[in-house]
Amino acid sequence: MAGGGDFYDRDRPENPQLAEDRPRGGGPEDRPRSGGRLLVPMLIAGAVLILILFFVFI
């Protein structure tokens, strides 16, 4: 029987690492747009402001 690392090294390629099919990170084109995150809070704040002004001036 083969001893040590010879048993596993026999059938392995020289570079046993697989190529990464989904690279981590990304470039500037992969970043989410920041406008979408601010739109909902701004709409809620605007609706609250309109309601406050509506009840103040009635």
Protein backbone atom coordinates (compact mmCIF):
# COMPACT_ATOMS: atom_id res chain seq x y z
CA MET A 1 0.00 0.00 0.00
CA ALA A 2 1.22 3.51 -0.82
CA GLY A 3 2.26 5.58 2.12
CA GLY A 4 1.99 9.24 2.96
CA GLY A 5 0.96 11.72 0.29
CA ASP A 6 1.72 9.38 -2.63
CA PHE A 7 -1.71 7.79 -2.38
CA TYR A 8 -3.57 11.03 -3.00
CA ASP A 9 -1.05 12.75 -5.28
CA ARG A 10 -1.10 9.93 -7.81
CA ASP A 11 -4.39 10.84 -9.56
CA ARG A 12 -4.54 14.56 -8.87
CA PRO A 13 -3.77 17.19 -11.50
CA GLU A 14 -0.91 19.62 -10.97
CA ASN A 15 -3.33 22.42 -10.06
CA PRO A 16 -6.22 20.78 -8.18
CA GLN A 17 -8.01 24.11 -7.48
CA LEU A 18 -11.25 24.55 -9.40
CA ALA A 19 -11.83 27.79 -11.23
CA GLU A 20 -14.32 29.97 -9.38
CA ASP A 21 -17.53 30.09 -11.39
CA ARG A 22 -19.05 32.93 -9.36
CA PRO A 23 -16.32 35.44 -8.53
CA ARG A 24 -16.78 37.33 -5.30
CA GLY A 25 -16.95 41.08 -5.19
CA GLY A 26 -17.60 42.86 -8.42
CA GLY A 27 -16.99 46.07 -10.21
CA PRO A 28 -18.83 49.36 -10.17
CA GLU A 29 -21.53 47.96 -12.46
CA ASP A 30 -22.53 45.44 -9.76
CA ARG A 31 -23.13 48.01 -7.02
CA PRO A 32 -26.75 48.68 -6.12
CA ARG A 33 -28.12 52.08 -6.94
CA SER A 34 -28.40 54.25 -3.84
CA GLY A 35 -31.45 56.15 -5.12
CA GLY A 36 -33.76 53.19 -4.48
CA ARG A 37 -32.83 53.05 -0.82
CA LEU A 38 -33.65 56.71 -0.24
CA LEU A 39 -36.85 56.85 -2.25
CA VAL A 40 -39.13 55.02 0.22
CA PRO A 41 -38.08 56.98 3.33
CA MET A 42 -38.44 60.25 1.40
CA LEU A 43 -41.94 59.30 0.27
CA ILE A 44 -42.94 58.37 3.82
CA ALA A 45 -41.50 61.63 5.21
CA GLY A 46 -43.35 63.60 2.53
CA ALA A 47 -46.64 61.88 3.32
CA VAL A 48 -46.20 62.56 7.05
CA LEU A 49 -45.37 66.21 6.34
CA ILE A 50 -48.48 66.60 4.18
CA LEU A 51 -50.64 65.02 6.91
CA ILE A 52 -49.17 67.31 9.58
CA LEU A 53 -49.72 70.40 7.43
CA PHE A 54 -53.25 69.24 6.59
CA PHE A 55 -54.23 68.90 10.26
CA VAL A 56 -52.50 72.16 11.29
CA PHE A 57 -54.29 74.33 8.73
CA ILE A 58 -57.77 72.82 9.11
